[in-house]
Amino acid sequence: VQLVESGGGLVQPGGSLTLSCAASGSIFTINGMGWYRQAPGKQRELVAFRNSGGGTDYADSVRGRFTISRLNRENSVYLQMNSLRPEDTAVYYCDAKGYDANRKAFDSWGQGTQVTVSS
C-alpha cells in the first residue's frame, strides 16, 4: 500500500494550509488514516487521526485549529490547518492502517511533506 502526500509549503504565522494524502495499491479496507509530524530534534508525534467510523483524535496543541477529514471511497485523508504557528513547523507524515487484498494487516506511511511557518 502506497501513500502520496501533497500540500506542504511555506506559510506565514496565522495562515492556512491543507494537506492531502491518497492511498493506493491492493487495499481490502482501511480502518483509519491520519497525520503525524516530526520537528527537528523531536520525536514523531500524532497530529490527528480518523477511523473508519468517523471517530477522531487530535493532539492538544492543534485541537480547534486543525481539522481532519476523510473520503472513504477514495481512500484519502485531508488535514485543514488554520491559525498556523511557528511551532507547527515540521515534516508531516500520512499514516494508514488496514488490511490488504490478501487480508494481511498493514500500517503504511507516506514520504512526508514539509510545513514551514515563518514570517
N, C-alpha and C. Protein backbone atom coordinates (compact mmCIF):
# COMPACT_ATOMS: atom_id res chain seq x y z
N VAL A 1 0.86 -1.18 0.00
CA VAL A 1 0.00 0.00 0.00
C VAL A 1 0.90 1.24 0.00
N GLN A 2 0.63 2.15 -0.91
CA GLN A 2 1.45 3.35 -1.03
C GLN A 2 0.62 4.58 -0.66
N LEU A 3 1.28 5.52 -0.01
CA LEU A 3 0.64 6.77 0.35
C LEU A 3 1.40 7.92 -0.30
N VAL A 4 0.65 8.84 -0.89
CA VAL A 4 1.26 10.01 -1.53
C VAL A 4 0.64 11.25 -0.90
N GLU A 5 1.52 12.10 -0.36
CA GLU A 5 1.08 13.32 0.30
C GLU A 5 1.34 14.53 -0.60
N SER A 6 0.59 15.57 -0.36
CA SER A 6 0.81 16.84 -1.05
C SER A 6 0.24 17.97 -0.19
N GLY A 7 0.66 19.20 -0.52
CA GLY A 7 0.07 20.36 0.11
C GLY A 7 0.94 21.11 1.08
N GLY A 8 2.13 20.60 1.36
CA GLY A 8 3.01 21.32 2.28
C GLY A 8 3.57 22.57 1.64
N GLY A 9 4.28 23.35 2.44
CA GLY A 9 4.89 24.57 1.92
C GLY A 9 5.22 25.56 3.01
N LEU A 10 5.49 26.78 2.57
CA LEU A 10 5.84 27.87 3.48
C LEU A 10 4.62 28.77 3.65
N VAL A 11 4.30 29.10 4.89
CA VAL A 11 3.15 29.95 5.17
C VAL A 11 3.50 30.87 6.34
N GLN A 12 2.91 32.05 6.35
CA GLN A 12 3.15 32.98 7.43
C GLN A 12 2.33 32.59 8.66
N PRO A 13 2.79 32.99 9.84
CA PRO A 13 2.00 32.73 11.05
C PRO A 13 0.59 33.27 10.90
N GLY A 14 -0.37 32.47 11.35
CA GLY A 14 -1.76 32.83 11.21
C GLY A 14 -2.40 32.36 9.92
N GLY A 15 -1.59 31.85 9.01
CA GLY A 15 -2.08 31.40 7.73
C GLY A 15 -2.65 29.99 7.78
N SER A 16 -3.03 29.49 6.61
CA SER A 16 -3.66 28.18 6.49
C SER A 16 -3.01 27.35 5.39
N LEU A 17 -3.06 26.06 5.58
CA LEU A 17 -2.63 25.09 4.58
C LEU A 17 -3.53 23.87 4.66
N THR A 18 -3.66 23.18 3.55
CA THR A 18 -4.38 21.91 3.54
C THR A 18 -3.47 20.82 3.00
N LEU A 19 -3.30 19.77 3.78
CA LEU A 19 -2.52 18.62 3.36
C LEU A 19 -3.46 17.54 2.84
N SER A 20 -3.00 16.84 1.81
CA SER A 20 -3.78 15.75 1.23
C SER A 20 -2.95 14.48 1.20
N CYS A 21 -3.62 13.35 1.31
CA CYS A 21 -2.93 12.06 1.26
C CYS A 21 -3.86 11.06 0.60
N ALA A 22 -3.33 10.35 -0.38
CA ALA A 22 -4.11 9.33 -1.08
C ALA A 22 -3.40 7.99 -0.99
N ALA A 23 -4.17 6.96 -0.65
CA ALA A 23 -3.64 5.60 -0.56
C ALA A 23 -3.99 4.82 -1.82
N SER A 24 -3.04 4.00 -2.26
CA SER A 24 -3.29 3.17 -3.44
C SER A 24 -2.63 1.81 -3.25
N GLY A 25 -3.02 0.87 -4.10
CA GLY A 25 -2.47 -0.47 -4.00
C GLY A 25 -3.58 -1.48 -3.80
N SER A 26 -3.18 -2.67 -3.37
CA SER A 26 -4.15 -3.75 -3.17
C SER A 26 -4.76 -3.64 -1.78
N ILE A 27 -5.76 -2.80 -1.68
CA ILE A 27 -6.38 -2.50 -0.40
C ILE A 27 -7.72 -3.21 -0.29
N PHE A 28 -7.90 -3.93 0.81
CA PHE A 28 -9.20 -4.51 1.10
C PHE A 28 -10.04 -3.51 1.89
N THR A 29 -9.45 -2.99 2.94
CA THR A 29 -10.15 -1.99 3.73
C THR A 29 -9.14 -1.15 4.51
N ILE A 30 -9.48 0.09 4.73
CA ILE A 30 -8.66 0.97 5.57
C ILE A 30 -9.46 1.27 6.83
N ASN A 31 -8.89 0.93 7.97
CA ASN A 31 -9.56 1.14 9.25
C ASN A 31 -9.36 2.55 9.77
N GLY A 32 -8.27 3.19 9.38
CA GLY A 32 -8.02 4.54 9.86
C GLY A 32 -6.90 5.20 9.09
N MET A 33 -6.98 6.52 8.99
CA MET A 33 -5.93 7.31 8.35
C MET A 33 -5.70 8.55 9.19
N GLY A 34 -4.46 9.00 9.16
CA GLY A 34 -4.18 10.18 9.96
C GLY A 34 -2.86 10.82 9.62
N TRP A 35 -2.49 11.78 10.47
CA TRP A 35 -1.29 12.58 10.26
C TRP A 35 -0.45 12.61 11.53
N TYR A 36 0.84 12.50 11.32
CA TYR A 36 1.84 12.67 12.37
C TYR A 36 2.81 13.73 11.89
N ARG A 37 3.60 14.26 12.80
CA ARG A 37 4.63 15.23 12.40
C ARG A 37 5.88 15.03 13.23
N GLN A 38 6.99 15.48 12.63
CA GLN A 38 8.27 15.40 13.32
C GLN A 38 9.06 16.66 13.06
N ALA A 39 9.33 17.38 14.12
CA ALA A 39 10.14 18.59 14.04
C ALA A 39 11.60 18.22 14.28
N PRO A 40 12.53 19.04 13.82
CA PRO A 40 13.96 18.74 14.02
C PRO A 40 14.30 18.54 15.49
N GLY A 41 14.96 17.44 15.78
CA GLY A 41 15.38 17.15 17.14
C GLY A 41 14.29 16.62 18.05
N LYS A 42 13.11 16.38 17.48
CA LYS A 42 11.99 15.89 18.30
C LYS A 42 11.48 14.57 17.76
N GLN A 43 10.73 13.86 18.62
CA GLN A 43 10.14 12.60 18.20
C GLN A 43 8.89 12.85 17.35
N ARG A 44 8.56 11.87 16.54
CA ARG A 44 7.34 11.95 15.75
C ARG A 44 6.15 11.91 16.70
N GLU A 45 5.16 12.78 16.43
CA GLU A 45 4.00 12.85 17.30
C GLU A 45 2.72 12.83 16.49
N LEU A 46 1.66 12.34 17.12
CA LEU A 46 0.35 12.34 16.50
C LEU A 46 -0.14 13.77 16.34
N VAL A 47 -0.69 14.07 15.17
CA VAL A 47 -1.38 15.34 14.95
C VAL A 47 -2.88 15.11 14.98
N ALA A 48 -3.36 14.21 14.13
CA ALA A 48 -4.79 13.91 14.07
C ALA A 48 -4.97 12.56 13.40
N PHE A 49 -6.01 11.84 13.83
CA PHE A 49 -6.29 10.53 13.26
C PHE A 49 -7.80 10.35 13.20
N ARG A 50 -8.25 9.72 12.12
CA ARG A 50 -9.67 9.49 11.93
C ARG A 50 -9.90 8.03 11.56
N ASN A 51 -10.77 7.35 12.31
CA ASN A 51 -11.04 5.95 11.98
C ASN A 51 -12.22 5.85 11.02
N SER A 52 -12.46 4.64 10.55
CA SER A 52 -13.48 4.44 9.53
C SER A 52 -14.88 4.72 10.05
N GLY A 53 -15.04 4.69 11.37
CA GLY A 53 -16.35 5.00 11.94
C GLY A 53 -16.59 6.48 12.13
N GLY A 54 -15.59 7.29 11.82
CA GLY A 54 -15.74 8.73 11.94
C GLY A 54 -15.15 9.32 13.21
N GLY A 55 -14.69 8.46 14.11
CA GLY A 55 -14.07 8.95 15.33
C GLY A 55 -12.74 9.62 15.04
N THR A 56 -12.45 10.70 15.78
CA THR A 56 -11.23 11.45 15.55
C THR A 56 -10.45 11.63 16.86
N ASP A 57 -9.16 11.81 16.70
CA ASP A 57 -8.27 12.07 17.82
C ASP A 57 -7.32 13.18 17.39
N TYR A 58 -7.18 14.20 18.22
CA TYR A 58 -6.31 15.32 17.92
C TYR A 58 -5.29 15.53 19.04
N ALA A 59 -4.12 15.99 18.66
CA ALA A 59 -3.16 16.46 19.65
C ALA A 59 -3.73 17.71 20.31
N ASP A 60 -3.48 17.87 21.58
CA ASP A 60 -3.99 19.04 22.30
C ASP A 60 -3.51 20.34 21.65
N SER A 61 -2.31 20.33 21.12
CA SER A 61 -1.72 21.55 20.57
C SER A 61 -2.39 22.01 19.29
N VAL A 62 -3.15 21.13 18.63
CA VAL A 62 -3.78 21.53 17.36
C VAL A 62 -5.30 21.53 17.43
N ARG A 63 -5.86 21.01 18.51
CA ARG A 63 -7.32 20.94 18.61
C ARG A 63 -7.93 22.33 18.51
N GLY A 64 -8.93 22.46 17.67
CA GLY A 64 -9.57 23.74 17.44
C GLY A 64 -8.97 24.53 16.28
N ARG A 65 -7.78 24.13 15.84
CA ARG A 65 -7.13 24.82 14.72
C ARG A 65 -7.05 23.93 13.48
N PHE A 66 -6.87 22.63 13.71
CA PHE A 66 -6.73 21.69 12.60
C PHE A 66 -7.99 20.82 12.53
N THR A 67 -8.33 20.43 11.30
CA THR A 67 -9.48 19.54 11.09
C THR A 67 -9.09 18.43 10.13
N ILE A 68 -9.33 17.19 10.56
CA ILE A 68 -9.05 16.04 9.71
C ILE A 68 -10.35 15.56 9.08
N SER A 69 -10.28 15.18 7.82
CA SER A 69 -11.44 14.65 7.13
C SER A 69 -10.99 13.52 6.20
N ARG A 70 -11.94 12.65 5.88
CA ARG A 70 -11.64 11.51 5.01
C ARG A 70 -12.70 11.35 3.95
N LEU A 71 -12.26 10.85 2.78
CA LEU A 71 -13.16 10.39 1.74
C LEU A 71 -12.93 8.90 1.63
N ASN A 72 -13.75 8.13 2.33
CA ASN A 72 -13.52 6.69 2.40
C ASN A 72 -13.51 6.04 1.02
N ARG A 73 -14.39 6.49 0.15
CA ARG A 73 -14.49 5.85 -1.17
C ARG A 73 -13.25 6.11 -2.02
N GLU A 74 -12.48 7.14 -1.65
CA GLU A 74 -11.27 7.46 -2.40
C GLU A 74 -10.01 7.11 -1.62
N ASN A 75 -10.17 6.51 -0.45
CA ASN A 75 -9.01 6.18 0.39
C ASN A 75 -8.10 7.40 0.57
N SER A 76 -8.71 8.52 0.87
CA SER A 76 -7.97 9.76 1.03
C SER A 76 -8.24 10.39 2.39
N VAL A 77 -7.26 11.16 2.83
CA VAL A 77 -7.42 11.90 4.07
C VAL A 77 -6.84 13.29 3.88
N TYR A 78 -7.44 14.26 4.56
CA TYR A 78 -7.04 15.65 4.43
C TYR A 78 -6.84 16.25 5.82
N LEU A 79 -5.97 17.24 5.87
CA LEU A 79 -5.75 17.96 7.11
C LEU A 79 -5.80 19.45 6.81
N GLN A 80 -6.88 20.08 7.26
CA GLN A 80 -7.02 21.53 7.12
C GLN A 80 -6.38 22.16 8.34
N MET A 81 -5.36 22.99 8.09
CA MET A 81 -4.61 23.60 9.18
C MET A 81 -4.81 25.11 9.14
N ASN A 82 -5.42 25.64 10.17
CA ASN A 82 -5.68 27.08 10.29
C ASN A 82 -4.89 27.66 11.45
N SER A 83 -4.77 28.97 11.45
CA SER A 83 -4.07 29.68 12.54
C SER A 83 -2.72 29.04 12.83
N LEU A 84 -1.96 28.82 11.79
CA LEU A 84 -0.68 28.15 11.94
C LEU A 84 0.30 28.98 12.75
N ARG A 85 1.12 28.27 13.51
CA ARG A 85 2.11 28.88 14.38
C ARG A 85 3.49 28.39 14.01
N PRO A 86 4.53 29.14 14.35
CA PRO A 86 5.90 28.66 14.05
C PRO A 86 6.17 27.27 14.63
N GLU A 87 5.60 26.96 15.77
CA GLU A 87 5.82 25.65 16.38
C GLU A 87 5.14 24.51 15.64
N ASP A 88 4.33 24.83 14.64
CA ASP A 88 3.75 23.79 13.79
C ASP A 88 4.71 23.35 12.69
N THR A 89 5.84 24.04 12.58
CA THR A 89 6.84 23.69 11.57
C THR A 89 7.36 22.28 11.81
N ALA A 90 7.26 21.44 10.79
CA ALA A 90 7.68 20.04 10.90
C ALA A 90 7.49 19.35 9.55
N VAL A 91 7.99 18.13 9.47
CA VAL A 91 7.64 17.26 8.36
C VAL A 91 6.38 16.49 8.78
N TYR A 92 5.37 16.56 7.96
CA TYR A 92 4.10 15.91 8.25
C TYR A 92 4.01 14.60 7.45
N TYR A 93 3.65 13.54 8.16
CA TYR A 93 3.56 12.21 7.56
C TYR A 93 2.13 11.68 7.62
N CYS A 94 1.70 11.11 6.51
CA CYS A 94 0.41 10.44 6.46
C CYS A 94 0.59 8.98 6.88
N ASP A 95 -0.42 8.46 7.57
CA ASP A 95 -0.40 7.07 8.05
C ASP A 95 -1.74 6.43 7.74
N ALA A 96 -1.70 5.18 7.30
CA ALA A 96 -2.92 4.42 7.03
C ALA A 96 -2.78 3.02 7.59
N LYS A 97 -3.84 2.54 8.24
CA LYS A 97 -3.85 1.21 8.83
C LYS A 97 -5.06 0.45 8.29
N GLY A 98 -4.85 -0.81 7.94
CA GLY A 98 -5.96 -1.60 7.43
C GLY A 98 -5.53 -2.98 7.04
N TYR A 99 -6.23 -3.54 6.04
CA TYR A 99 -5.94 -4.88 5.53
C TYR A 99 -5.83 -4.81 4.01
N ASP A 100 -4.82 -5.52 3.49
CA ASP A 100 -4.66 -5.54 2.03
C ASP A 100 -5.55 -6.61 1.41
N ALA A 101 -5.42 -6.77 0.11
CA ALA A 101 -6.28 -7.72 -0.61
C ALA A 101 -6.09 -9.15 -0.17
N ASN A 102 -4.96 -9.45 0.43
CA ASN A 102 -4.70 -10.79 0.97
C ASN A 102 -5.10 -10.92 2.43
N ARG A 103 -5.81 -9.88 2.92
CA ARG A 103 -6.29 -9.85 4.29
C ARG A 103 -5.13 -9.80 5.29
N LYS A 104 -4.02 -9.23 4.83
CA LYS A 104 -2.88 -9.03 5.71
C LYS A 104 -2.90 -7.61 6.22
N ALA A 105 -2.67 -7.47 7.50
CA ALA A 105 -2.70 -6.14 8.09
C ALA A 105 -1.53 -5.30 7.59
N PHE A 106 -1.79 -4.03 7.38
CA PHE A 106 -0.72 -3.10 7.01
C PHE A 106 -0.81 -1.83 7.84
N ASP A 107 0.34 -1.18 7.94
CA ASP A 107 0.46 0.14 8.56
C ASP A 107 1.47 0.88 7.71
N SER A 108 0.97 1.67 6.77
CA SER A 108 1.81 2.31 5.78
C SER A 108 1.98 3.80 6.06
N TRP A 109 3.15 4.31 5.63
CA TRP A 109 3.50 5.72 5.83
C TRP A 109 3.84 6.38 4.51
N GLY A 110 3.52 7.65 4.42
CA GLY A 110 3.93 8.44 3.28
C GLY A 110 5.36 8.91 3.44
N GLN A 111 5.83 9.61 2.43
CA GLN A 111 7.23 10.05 2.42
C GLN A 111 7.44 11.33 3.22
N GLY A 112 6.37 11.99 3.57
CA GLY A 112 6.45 13.21 4.36
C GLY A 112 6.39 14.46 3.49
N THR A 113 5.80 15.49 4.04
CA THR A 113 5.74 16.78 3.35
C THR A 113 6.09 17.88 4.36
N GLN A 114 6.94 18.80 3.93
CA GLN A 114 7.44 19.84 4.83
C GLN A 114 6.43 20.96 4.97
N VAL A 115 6.16 21.34 6.20
CA VAL A 115 5.36 22.52 6.50
C VAL A 115 6.24 23.47 7.30
N THR A 116 6.40 24.69 6.80
CA THR A 116 7.22 25.70 7.47
C THR A 116 6.37 26.93 7.72
N VAL A 117 6.29 27.32 8.97
CA VAL A 117 5.51 28.50 9.35
C VAL A 117 6.49 29.57 9.81
N SER A 118 6.61 30.61 9.01
CA SER A 118 7.62 31.62 9.29
C SER A 118 7.26 32.92 8.58
N SER A 119 7.63 34.03 9.21
CA SER A 119 7.41 35.32 8.57
C SER A 119 8.64 35.74 7.80
